[in-house]
């Protein structure tokens, strides 16, 4: 595919994910679009960022900064829906940014990887 085709695909998927989720962080958008789907149709993060920035510039996607985290929503999404979703997601997101959670998650992943590697020996 050409770069223009990749950008068009990225824009289409950004709009689709935001329609389904109402609001999302850049990390969520990347996971849903760049890490998912058929291998030959995964949009590279660099293209995704360019597409997102283009949609922000045209006003189709609106950035919403909460703390240090950028969230995004479609411009046509009713404010009531945005607020309801943020009220649900923000407390969960805040808990995952806690240093204690990140430390425990990292430790659990290290243990899981170590055990998996031991099984392959």
Protein backbone atom coordinates (compact mmCIF):
# COMPACT_ATOMS: atom_id res chain seq x y z
CA UNK A 1 0.00 0.00 0.00
CA UNK A 2 1.09 3.57 -0.54
CA UNK A 3 1.64 5.98 2.33
CA UNK A 4 -1.61 7.77 1.44
CA UNK A 5 -3.50 4.46 1.60
CA UNK A 6 -1.97 3.67 5.01
CA UNK A 7 -2.95 7.13 6.27
CA UNK A 8 -6.51 6.66 5.00
CA UNK A 9 -6.71 3.24 6.70
CA UNK A 10 -5.34 4.71 9.95
CA UNK A 11 -7.88 7.54 9.88
CA UNK A 12 -10.72 5.11 9.21
CA UNK A 13 -9.65 2.90 12.12
CA UNK A 14 -9.15 5.85 14.49
CA UNK A 15 -12.69 7.01 13.82
CA UNK A 16 -14.03 3.47 14.18
CA UNK A 17 -12.29 2.85 17.53
CA UNK A 18 -13.40 6.20 18.93
CA UNK A 19 -16.97 5.57 17.83
CA UNK A 20 -16.93 2.26 19.68
CA UNK A 21 -15.07 3.45 22.81
CA UNK A 22 -16.22 7.09 23.00
CA UNK A 23 -12.83 8.21 24.43
CA UNK A 24 -9.39 6.64 24.37
CA UNK A 25 -5.79 7.42 25.21
CA UNK A 26 -3.13 7.40 22.54
CA UNK A 27 -1.83 4.11 23.98
CA UNK A 28 -5.25 2.47 23.67
CA UNK A 29 -5.60 3.68 20.10
CA UNK A 30 -2.19 2.29 19.24
CA UNK A 31 -2.97 -1.07 20.85
CA UNK A 32 -6.31 -1.39 19.09
CA UNK A 33 -4.98 -0.34 15.69
CA UNK A 34 -1.23 -1.03 15.43
CA UNK A 35 -1.10 -4.21 17.52
CA UNK A 36 -4.34 -5.79 16.32
CA UNK A 37 -5.75 -6.99 13.07
CA UNK A 38 -4.27 -9.06 10.28
CA UNK A 39 -0.48 -8.83 10.16
CA UNK A 40 -0.45 -7.30 6.70
CA UNK A 41 -2.98 -4.60 7.70
CA UNK A 42 -1.43 -3.33 10.93
CA UNK A 43 -0.89 0.41 10.77
CA UNK A 44 2.56 1.44 11.97
CA UNK A 45 2.52 3.73 15.03
CA UNK A 46 4.30 6.50 13.10
CA UNK A 47 1.56 6.51 10.44
CA UNK A 48 -1.11 6.28 13.13
CA UNK A 49 0.26 9.33 14.93
CA UNK A 50 0.40 11.28 11.67
CA UNK A 51 -3.19 10.29 10.87
CA UNK A 52 -4.37 11.21 14.38
CA UNK A 53 -2.62 14.57 14.25
CA UNK A 54 -4.23 15.25 10.87
CA UNK A 55 -7.69 14.46 12.24
CA UNK A 56 -7.02 16.70 15.26
CA UNK A 57 -5.91 19.52 12.95
CA UNK A 58 -9.11 19.24 10.90
CA UNK A 59 -11.23 19.10 14.06
CA UNK A 60 -12.58 15.58 13.48
CA UNK A 61 -10.84 14.30 16.62
CA UNK A 62 -10.62 16.40 19.76
CA UNK A 63 -7.78 16.01 22.28
CA UNK A 64 -8.76 16.07 25.94
CA UNK A 65 -5.89 16.51 28.40
CA UNK A 66 -6.44 15.08 31.87
CA UNK A 67 -3.37 15.34 34.06
CA UNK A 68 -0.42 14.19 31.98
CA UNK A 69 -2.54 11.92 29.80
CA UNK A 70 -3.96 12.91 26.42
CA UNK A 71 -7.36 11.39 25.68
CA UNK A 72 -9.19 11.70 22.37
CA UNK A 73 -12.81 11.70 21.22
CA UNK A 74 -14.71 12.43 18.03
CA UNK A 75 -15.91 16.01 17.67
CA UNK A 76 -19.51 14.91 17.15
CA UNK A 77 -19.66 12.84 20.34
CA UNK A 78 -22.10 14.40 22.82
CA UNK A 79 -20.40 15.90 25.87
CA UNK A 80 -22.65 13.85 28.18
CA UNK A 81 -21.32 10.60 26.70
CA UNK A 82 -17.73 11.82 26.96
CA UNK A 83 -18.16 12.76 30.61
CA UNK A 84 -19.88 9.47 31.50
CA UNK A 85 -17.07 7.48 29.91
CA UNK A 86 -14.34 9.61 31.52
CA UNK A 87 -16.02 9.22 34.92
CA UNK A 88 -15.75 5.46 34.42
CA UNK A 89 -12.27 5.25 32.91
CA UNK A 90 -10.28 7.92 34.75
CA UNK A 91 -10.26 6.22 38.18
CA UNK A 92 -9.23 2.91 36.60
CA UNK A 93 -6.52 4.56 34.56
CA UNK A 94 -5.23 6.46 37.59
CA UNK A 95 -4.85 3.21 39.52
CA UNK A 96 -2.75 1.69 36.74
CA UNK A 97 -0.40 4.68 36.83
CA UNK A 98 0.33 4.15 40.52
CA UNK A 99 3.97 3.23 41.16
CA UNK A 100 2.97 0.27 43.31
CA UNK A 101 0.85 -1.23 40.53
CA UNK A 102 3.57 -0.75 37.92
CA UNK A 103 6.15 -2.38 40.20
CA UNK A 104 3.98 -5.39 40.91
CA UNK A 105 3.03 -5.80 37.29
CA UNK A 106 6.67 -5.69 36.25
CA UNK A 107 7.62 -8.26 38.87
CA UNK A 108 4.80 -10.59 37.83
CA UNK A 109 5.86 -10.35 34.18
CA UNK A 110 9.48 -11.08 35.06
CA UNK A 111 8.44 -14.20 37.00
CA UNK A 112 6.16 -15.38 34.19
CA UNK A 113 8.89 -14.95 31.58
CA UNK A 114 11.48 -16.67 33.76
CA UNK A 115 9.19 -19.66 34.30
CA UNK A 116 8.34 -19.86 30.61
CA UNK A 117 12.00 -19.85 29.70
CA UNK A 118 12.72 -22.57 32.26
CA UNK A 119 10.04 -24.74 30.66
CA UNK A 120 11.78 -24.52 27.28
CA UNK A 121 15.11 -25.79 28.63
